[in-house]
All heavy atoms as atom14 arrays in JSON, in Angstrom:
{
  "sequence": "TDAQMAAVASWTNLSETTFLLAPTDPAADYRLRIFTP",
  "atom14_mask": [
    [1, 1, 1, 1, 1, 1, 1, 0, 0, 0, 0, 0, 0, 0],
    [1, 1, 1, 1, 1, 1, 1, 1, 0, 0, 0, 0, 0, 0],
    [1, 1, 1, 1, 1, 0, 0, 0, 0, 0, 0, 0, 0, 0],
    [1, 1, 1, 1, 1, 1, 1, 1, 1, 0, 0, 0, 0, 0],
    [1, 1, 1, 1, 1, 1, 1, 1, 0, 0, 0, 0, 0, 0],
    [1, 1, 1, 1, 1, 0, 0, 0, 0, 0, 0, 0, 0, 0],
    [1, 1, 1, 1, 1, 0, 0, 0, 0, 0, 0, 0, 0, 0],
    [1, 1, 1, 1, 1, 1, 1, 0, 0, 0, 0, 0, 0, 0],
    [1, 1, 1, 1, 1, 0, 0, 0, 0, 0, 0, 0, 0, 0],
    [1, 1, 1, 1, 1, 1, 0, 0, 0, 0, 0, 0, 0, 0],
    [1, 1, 1, 1, 1, 1, 1, 1, 1, 1, 1, 1, 1, 1],
    [1, 1, 1, 1, 1, 1, 1, 0, 0, 0, 0, 0, 0, 0],
    [1, 1, 1, 1, 1, 1, 1, 1, 0, 0, 0, 0, 0, 0],
    [1, 1, 1, 1, 1, 1, 1, 1, 0, 0, 0, 0, 0, 0],
    [1, 1, 1, 1, 1, 1, 0, 0, 0, 0, 0, 0, 0, 0],
    [1, 1, 1, 1, 1, 1, 1, 1, 1, 0, 0, 0, 0, 0],
    [1, 1, 1, 1, 1, 1, 1, 0, 0, 0, 0, 0, 0, 0],
    [1, 1, 1, 1, 1, 1, 1, 0, 0, 0, 0, 0, 0, 0],
    [1, 1, 1, 1, 1, 1, 1, 1, 1, 1, 1, 0, 0, 0],
    [1, 1, 1, 1, 1, 1, 1, 1, 0, 0, 0, 0, 0, 0],
    [1, 1, 1, 1, 1, 1, 1, 1, 0, 0, 0, 0, 0, 0],
    [1, 1, 1, 1, 1, 0, 0, 0, 0, 0, 0, 0, 0, 0],
    [1, 1, 1, 1, 1, 1, 1, 0, 0, 0, 0, 0, 0, 0],
    [1, 1, 1, 1, 1, 1, 1, 0, 0, 0, 0, 0, 0, 0],
    [1, 1, 1, 1, 1, 1, 1, 1, 0, 0, 0, 0, 0, 0],
    [1, 1, 1, 1, 1, 1, 1, 0, 0, 0, 0, 0, 0, 0],
    [1, 1, 1, 1, 1, 0, 0, 0, 0, 0, 0, 0, 0, 0],
    [1, 1, 1, 1, 1, 0, 0, 0, 0, 0, 0, 0, 0, 0],
    [1, 1, 1, 1, 1, 1, 1, 1, 0, 0, 0, 0, 0, 0],
    [1, 1, 1, 1, 1, 1, 1, 1, 1, 1, 1, 1, 0, 0],
    [1, 1, 1, 1, 1, 1, 1, 1, 1, 1, 1, 0, 0, 0],
    [1, 1, 1, 1, 1, 1, 1, 1, 0, 0, 0, 0, 0, 0],
    [1, 1, 1, 1, 1, 1, 1, 1, 1, 1, 1, 0, 0, 0],
    [1, 1, 1, 1, 1, 1, 1, 1, 0, 0, 0, 0, 0, 0],
    [1, 1, 1, 1, 1, 1, 1, 1, 1, 1, 1, 0, 0, 0],
    [1, 1, 1, 1, 1, 1, 1, 0, 0, 0, 0, 0, 0, 0],
    [1, 1, 1, 1, 1, 1, 1, 0, 0, 0, 0, 0, 0, 0]
  ],
  "atom14_positions": [
    [[19.52, 64.94, 115.67], [18.88, 65.64, 116.78], [19.85, 66.66, 117.38], [21.06, 66.62, 117.14], [18.46, 64.65, 117.87], [19.65, 64.07, 118.45], [17.58, 63.55, 117.3], [0.0, 0.0, 0.0], [0.0, 0.0, 0.0], [0.0, 0.0, 0.0], [0.0, 0.0, 0.0], [0.0, 0.0, 0.0], [0.0, 0.0, 0.0], [0.0, 0.0, 0.0]],
    [[19.3, 67.55, 118.2], [20.15, 68.51, 118.92], [21.21, 67.77, 119.74], [22.37, 68.18, 119.79], [19.31, 69.39, 119.84], [18.38, 70.32, 119.09], [18.38, 70.3, 117.84], [17.66, 71.08, 119.75], [0.0, 0.0, 0.0], [0.0, 0.0, 0.0], [0.0, 0.0, 0.0], [0.0, 0.0, 0.0], [0.0, 0.0, 0.0], [0.0, 0.0, 0.0]],
    [[20.79, 66.71, 120.42], [21.72, 65.97, 121.28], [22.83, 65.33, 120.46], [24.0, 65.29, 120.89], [20.96, 64.91, 122.07], [0.0, 0.0, 0.0], [0.0, 0.0, 0.0], [0.0, 0.0, 0.0], [0.0, 0.0, 0.0], [0.0, 0.0, 0.0], [0.0, 0.0, 0.0], [0.0, 0.0, 0.0], [0.0, 0.0, 0.0], [0.0, 0.0, 0.0]],
    [[22.49, 64.81, 119.28], [23.52, 64.21, 118.42], [24.5, 65.26, 117.92], [25.72, 65.03, 117.89], [22.86, 63.48, 117.25], [22.17, 62.19, 117.64], [21.4, 61.59, 116.49], [20.71, 62.31, 115.75], [21.5, 60.28, 116.31], [0.0, 0.0, 0.0], [0.0, 0.0, 0.0], [0.0, 0.0, 0.0], [0.0, 0.0, 0.0], [0.0, 0.0, 0.0]],
    [[23.99, 66.43, 117.53], [24.88, 67.5, 117.09], [25.83, 67.9, 118.21], [27.04, 68.07, 118.01], [24.07, 68.7, 116.62], [23.28, 68.47, 115.34], [22.4, 69.95, 114.82], [21.37, 69.29, 113.49], [0.0, 0.0, 0.0], [0.0, 0.0, 0.0], [0.0, 0.0, 0.0], [0.0, 0.0, 0.0], [0.0, 0.0, 0.0], [0.0, 0.0, 0.0]],
    [[25.29, 68.07, 119.41], [26.13, 68.45, 120.56], [27.18, 67.38, 120.85], [28.33, 67.7, 121.18], [25.26, 68.69, 121.79], [0.0, 0.0, 0.0], [0.0, 0.0, 0.0], [0.0, 0.0, 0.0], [0.0, 0.0, 0.0], [0.0, 0.0, 0.0], [0.0, 0.0, 0.0], [0.0, 0.0, 0.0], [0.0, 0.0, 0.0], [0.0, 0.0, 0.0]],
    [[26.79, 66.12, 120.7], [27.74, 65.03, 120.96], [28.86, 65.02, 119.94], [30.03, 64.79, 120.28], [27.0, 63.69, 120.96], [0.0, 0.0, 0.0], [0.0, 0.0, 0.0], [0.0, 0.0, 0.0], [0.0, 0.0, 0.0], [0.0, 0.0, 0.0], [0.0, 0.0, 0.0], [0.0, 0.0, 0.0], [0.0, 0.0, 0.0], [0.0, 0.0, 0.0]],
    [[28.53, 65.25, 118.67], [29.56, 65.29, 117.63], [30.51, 66.45, 117.89], [31.74, 66.32, 117.76], [28.92, 65.41, 116.24], [29.99, 65.66, 115.17], [28.15, 64.14, 115.89], [0.0, 0.0, 0.0], [0.0, 0.0, 0.0], [0.0, 0.0, 0.0], [0.0, 0.0, 0.0], [0.0, 0.0, 0.0], [0.0, 0.0, 0.0], [0.0, 0.0, 0.0]],
    [[29.97, 67.62, 118.26], [30.81, 68.78, 118.53], [31.75, 68.53, 119.7], [32.92, 68.94, 119.69], [29.94, 70.01, 118.79], [0.0, 0.0, 0.0], [0.0, 0.0, 0.0], [0.0, 0.0, 0.0], [0.0, 0.0, 0.0], [0.0, 0.0, 0.0], [0.0, 0.0, 0.0], [0.0, 0.0, 0.0], [0.0, 0.0, 0.0], [0.0, 0.0, 0.0]],
    [[31.25, 67.87, 120.73], [32.11, 67.52, 121.86], [33.18, 66.53, 121.45], [34.34, 66.62, 121.88], [31.26, 66.94, 122.99], [32.05, 66.51, 124.07], [0.0, 0.0, 0.0], [0.0, 0.0, 0.0], [0.0, 0.0, 0.0], [0.0, 0.0, 0.0], [0.0, 0.0, 0.0], [0.0, 0.0, 0.0], [0.0, 0.0, 0.0], [0.0, 0.0, 0.0]],
    [[32.81, 65.61, 120.57], [33.75, 64.57, 120.12], [34.86, 65.14, 119.25], [36.03, 64.77, 119.39], [32.97, 63.5, 119.39], [33.81, 62.49, 118.69], [34.58, 61.51, 119.24], [33.96, 62.35, 117.27], [35.21, 60.77, 118.26], [34.84, 61.27, 117.03], [33.43, 63.04, 116.17], [35.21, 60.86, 115.76], [33.78, 62.62, 114.9], [34.66, 61.54, 114.7]],
    [[34.52, 66.04, 118.3], [35.57, 66.6, 117.44], [36.54, 67.43, 118.26], [37.72, 67.53, 117.92], [34.99, 67.47, 116.32], [34.38, 68.63, 116.87], [33.99, 66.69, 115.47], [0.0, 0.0, 0.0], [0.0, 0.0, 0.0], [0.0, 0.0, 0.0], [0.0, 0.0, 0.0], [0.0, 0.0, 0.0], [0.0, 0.0, 0.0], [0.0, 0.0, 0.0]],
    [[36.02, 68.05, 119.33], [36.83, 68.86, 120.25], [37.52, 70.04, 119.55], [38.55, 70.52, 119.99], [37.88, 68.0, 120.96], [38.37, 68.65, 122.25], [37.61, 69.34, 122.93], [39.64, 68.46, 122.58], [0.0, 0.0, 0.0], [0.0, 0.0, 0.0], [0.0, 0.0, 0.0], [0.0, 0.0, 0.0], [0.0, 0.0, 0.0], [0.0, 0.0, 0.0]],
    [[36.93, 70.5, 118.45], [37.39, 71.73, 117.81], [36.65, 72.91, 118.41], [35.63, 72.74, 119.08], [37.15, 71.66, 116.3], [37.9, 70.58, 115.54], [37.44, 70.54, 114.09], [39.41, 70.78, 115.62], [0.0, 0.0, 0.0], [0.0, 0.0, 0.0], [0.0, 0.0, 0.0], [0.0, 0.0, 0.0], [0.0, 0.0, 0.0], [0.0, 0.0, 0.0]],
    [[37.13, 74.1, 118.14], [36.44, 75.26, 118.69], [35.01, 75.34, 118.2], [34.11, 75.76, 118.92], [37.2, 76.56, 118.38], [37.4, 76.72, 116.99], [0.0, 0.0, 0.0], [0.0, 0.0, 0.0], [0.0, 0.0, 0.0], [0.0, 0.0, 0.0], [0.0, 0.0, 0.0], [0.0, 0.0, 0.0], [0.0, 0.0, 0.0], [0.0, 0.0, 0.0]],
    [[34.76, 74.93, 116.94], [33.39, 74.83, 116.43], [33.23, 73.66, 115.47], [34.16, 73.32, 114.73], [32.95, 76.11, 115.72], [32.51, 77.23, 116.63], [33.58, 78.28, 116.81], [34.65, 78.16, 116.18], [33.35, 79.23, 117.59], [0.0, 0.0, 0.0], [0.0, 0.0, 0.0], [0.0, 0.0, 0.0], [0.0, 0.0, 0.0], [0.0, 0.0, 0.0]],
    [[32.05, 73.08, 115.5], [31.6, 72.08, 114.54], [30.27, 72.56, 113.99], [29.42, 73.04, 114.75], [31.43, 70.71, 115.22], [32.69, 70.28, 115.73], [30.91, 69.67, 114.24], [0.0, 0.0, 0.0], [0.0, 0.0, 0.0], [0.0, 0.0, 0.0], [0.0, 0.0, 0.0], [0.0, 0.0, 0.0], [0.0, 0.0, 0.0], [0.0, 0.0, 0.0]],
    [[30.08, 72.45, 112.68], [28.85, 72.97, 112.08], [28.07, 71.87, 111.38], [28.62, 70.82, 111.01], [29.14, 74.1, 111.07], [29.81, 73.54, 109.93], [29.99, 75.19, 111.7], [0.0, 0.0, 0.0], [0.0, 0.0, 0.0], [0.0, 0.0, 0.0], [0.0, 0.0, 0.0], [0.0, 0.0, 0.0], [0.0, 0.0, 0.0], [0.0, 0.0, 0.0]],
    [[26.79, 72.17, 111.16], [25.88, 71.22, 110.53], [25.11, 71.95, 109.44], [24.43, 72.95, 109.7], [24.95, 70.62, 111.57], [25.69, 69.89, 112.66], [26.21, 70.59, 113.76], [25.92, 68.53, 112.56], [26.92, 69.93, 114.74], [26.63, 67.86, 113.54], [27.14, 68.56, 114.63], [0.0, 0.0, 0.0], [0.0, 0.0, 0.0], [0.0, 0.0, 0.0]],
    [[25.25, 71.47, 108.2], [24.57, 72.04, 107.05], [23.18, 71.41, 106.92], [23.05, 70.18, 106.88], [25.37, 71.8, 105.79], [26.68, 72.59, 105.64], [27.55, 71.98, 104.55], [26.4, 74.06, 105.33], [0.0, 0.0, 0.0], [0.0, 0.0, 0.0], [0.0, 0.0, 0.0], [0.0, 0.0, 0.0], [0.0, 0.0, 0.0], [0.0, 0.0, 0.0]],
    [[22.16, 72.27, 106.82], [20.79, 71.8, 106.72], [20.06, 72.55, 105.61], [20.54, 73.58, 105.12], [20.04, 72.02, 108.04], [20.68, 71.43, 109.3], [21.42, 72.52, 110.08], [19.63, 70.8, 110.2], [0.0, 0.0, 0.0], [0.0, 0.0, 0.0], [0.0, 0.0, 0.0], [0.0, 0.0, 0.0], [0.0, 0.0, 0.0], [0.0, 0.0, 0.0]],
    [[18.89, 72.04, 105.23], [18.07, 72.74, 104.25], [17.58, 74.05, 104.84], [17.24, 74.12, 106.03], [16.88, 71.87, 103.86], [0.0, 0.0, 0.0], [0.0, 0.0, 0.0], [0.0, 0.0, 0.0], [0.0, 0.0, 0.0], [0.0, 0.0, 0.0], [0.0, 0.0, 0.0], [0.0, 0.0, 0.0], [0.0, 0.0, 0.0], [0.0, 0.0, 0.0]],
    [[17.55, 75.13, 104.06], [17.13, 76.42, 104.59], [15.62, 76.44, 104.85], [14.85, 75.71, 104.22], [17.5, 77.4, 103.48], [17.46, 76.58, 102.23], [17.92, 75.2, 102.63], [0.0, 0.0, 0.0], [0.0, 0.0, 0.0], [0.0, 0.0, 0.0], [0.0, 0.0, 0.0], [0.0, 0.0, 0.0], [0.0, 0.0, 0.0], [0.0, 0.0, 0.0]],
    [[15.22, 77.28, 105.8], [13.79, 77.55, 106.02], [13.4, 78.89, 105.43], [12.21, 79.16, 105.25], [13.46, 77.53, 107.52], [14.21, 78.56, 108.19], [13.81, 76.19, 108.14], [0.0, 0.0, 0.0], [0.0, 0.0, 0.0], [0.0, 0.0, 0.0], [0.0, 0.0, 0.0], [0.0, 0.0, 0.0], [0.0, 0.0, 0.0], [0.0, 0.0, 0.0]],
    [[14.38, 79.73, 105.13], [14.15, 81.03, 104.51], [14.42, 80.89, 103.0], [15.52, 80.47, 102.62], [15.07, 82.07, 105.13], [14.75, 83.49, 104.7], [14.46, 83.71, 103.51], [14.8, 84.41, 105.56], [0.0, 0.0, 0.0], [0.0, 0.0, 0.0], [0.0, 0.0, 0.0], [0.0, 0.0, 0.0], [0.0, 0.0, 0.0], [0.0, 0.0, 0.0]],
    [[13.47, 81.26, 102.15], [13.69, 81.1, 100.7], [14.83, 81.94, 100.15], [15.31, 81.67, 99.05], [12.34, 81.52, 100.1], [11.67, 82.34, 101.15], [12.13, 81.77, 102.46], [0.0, 0.0, 0.0], [0.0, 0.0, 0.0], [0.0, 0.0, 0.0], [0.0, 0.0, 0.0], [0.0, 0.0, 0.0], [0.0, 0.0, 0.0], [0.0, 0.0, 0.0]],
    [[15.27, 82.95, 100.9], [16.38, 83.78, 100.44], [17.74, 83.15, 100.71], [18.76, 83.65, 100.24], [16.32, 85.16, 101.11], [0.0, 0.0, 0.0], [0.0, 0.0, 0.0], [0.0, 0.0, 0.0], [0.0, 0.0, 0.0], [0.0, 0.0, 0.0], [0.0, 0.0, 0.0], [0.0, 0.0, 0.0], [0.0, 0.0, 0.0], [0.0, 0.0, 0.0]],
    [[17.77, 82.04, 101.48], [19.03, 81.4, 101.86], [19.33, 80.2, 100.97], [18.42, 79.53, 100.46], [18.98, 80.97, 103.32], [0.0, 0.0, 0.0], [0.0, 0.0, 0.0], [0.0, 0.0, 0.0], [0.0, 0.0, 0.0], [0.0, 0.0, 0.0], [0.0, 0.0, 0.0], [0.0, 0.0, 0.0], [0.0, 0.0, 0.0], [0.0, 0.0, 0.0]],
    [[20.61, 79.91, 100.82], [21.05, 78.72, 100.08], [21.15, 77.51, 101.0], [20.99, 76.37, 100.53], [22.41, 78.99, 99.44], [22.33, 80.02, 98.33], [21.65, 79.75, 97.33], [22.93, 81.1, 98.48], [0.0, 0.0, 0.0], [0.0, 0.0, 0.0], [0.0, 0.0, 0.0], [0.0, 0.0, 0.0], [0.0, 0.0, 0.0], [0.0, 0.0, 0.0]],
    [[21.44, 77.71, 102.26], [21.52, 76.62, 103.23], [21.36, 77.21, 104.63], [21.49, 78.42, 104.83], [22.85, 75.85, 103.13], [24.08, 76.71, 103.3], [24.58, 77.02, 104.56], [24.75, 77.21, 102.19], [25.71, 77.81, 104.71], [25.88, 78.01, 102.33], [26.35, 78.3, 103.6], [27.47, 79.1, 103.75], [0.0, 0.0, 0.0], [0.0, 0.0, 0.0]],
    [[21.07, 76.34, 105.57], [20.99, 76.74, 106.98], [22.15, 76.12, 107.73], [22.56, 74.99, 107.43], [19.65, 76.3, 107.58], [19.42, 76.73, 109.02], [17.93, 76.65, 109.37], [17.41, 75.29, 109.29], [17.28, 74.48, 110.34], [17.66, 74.89, 111.56], [16.79, 73.26, 110.18], [0.0, 0.0, 0.0], [0.0, 0.0, 0.0], [0.0, 0.0, 0.0]],
    [[22.68, 76.86, 108.7], [23.86, 76.4, 109.43], [23.59, 76.45, 110.93], [23.1, 77.46, 111.45], [25.07, 77.27, 109.1], [26.43, 76.72, 109.55], [26.8, 75.5, 108.68], [27.52, 77.78, 109.45], [0.0, 0.0, 0.0], [0.0, 0.0, 0.0], [0.0, 0.0, 0.0], [0.0, 0.0, 0.0], [0.0, 0.0, 0.0], [0.0, 0.0, 0.0]],
    [[23.91, 75.36, 111.6], [23.92, 75.35, 113.07], [25.37, 75.18, 113.52], [26.12, 74.39, 112.95], [23.02, 74.25, 113.62], [21.55, 74.51, 113.29], [20.63, 73.5, 113.94], [20.63, 73.61, 115.39], [19.9, 72.83, 116.2], [19.11, 71.89, 115.66], [19.95, 72.99, 117.51], [0.0, 0.0, 0.0], [0.0, 0.0, 0.0], [0.0, 0.0, 0.0]],
    [[25.74, 75.92, 114.56], [27.13, 76.06, 114.97], [27.24, 75.68, 116.44], [26.59, 76.28, 117.3], [27.61, 77.5, 114.77], [27.38, 77.95, 113.32], [29.09, 77.65, 115.16], [27.52, 79.46, 113.12], [0.0, 0.0, 0.0], [0.0, 0.0, 0.0], [0.0, 0.0, 0.0], [0.0, 0.0, 0.0], [0.0, 0.0, 0.0], [0.0, 0.0, 0.0]],
    [[28.1, 74.7, 116.74], [28.29, 74.23, 118.11], [29.76, 74.34, 118.51], [30.65, 73.98, 117.75], [27.86, 72.76, 118.24], [26.38, 72.54, 118.2], [25.68, 72.58, 117.01], [25.67, 72.27, 119.37], [24.32, 72.36, 116.96], [24.3, 72.05, 119.34], [23.62, 72.1, 118.14], [0.0, 0.0, 0.0], [0.0, 0.0, 0.0], [0.0, 0.0, 0.0]],
    [[30.0, 74.79, 119.75], [31.3, 74.63, 120.39], [31.25, 73.3, 121.14], [30.22, 72.61, 121.13], [31.58, 75.77, 121.38], [30.83, 75.55, 122.6], [31.21, 77.13, 120.79], [0.0, 0.0, 0.0], [0.0, 0.0, 0.0], [0.0, 0.0, 0.0], [0.0, 0.0, 0.0], [0.0, 0.0, 0.0], [0.0, 0.0, 0.0], [0.0, 0.0, 0.0]],
    [[32.34, 72.89, 121.81], [32.25, 71.64, 122.58], [31.22, 71.69, 123.7], [30.84, 70.63, 124.22], [33.67, 71.5, 123.15], [34.53, 72.17, 122.14], [33.74, 73.36, 121.69], [0.0, 0.0, 0.0], [0.0, 0.0, 0.0], [0.0, 0.0, 0.0], [0.0, 0.0, 0.0], [0.0, 0.0, 0.0], [0.0, 0.0, 0.0], [0.0, 0.0, 0.0]]
  ]
}
């Protein structure tokens, strides 16, 4: 969930934490969500 992603990003405490997901656009190989703390 969004809340879980945000919690992991806060926990790693790096400038960014990313999450690899299946793409929704057929032209893409993967989808990426990017969180700061």
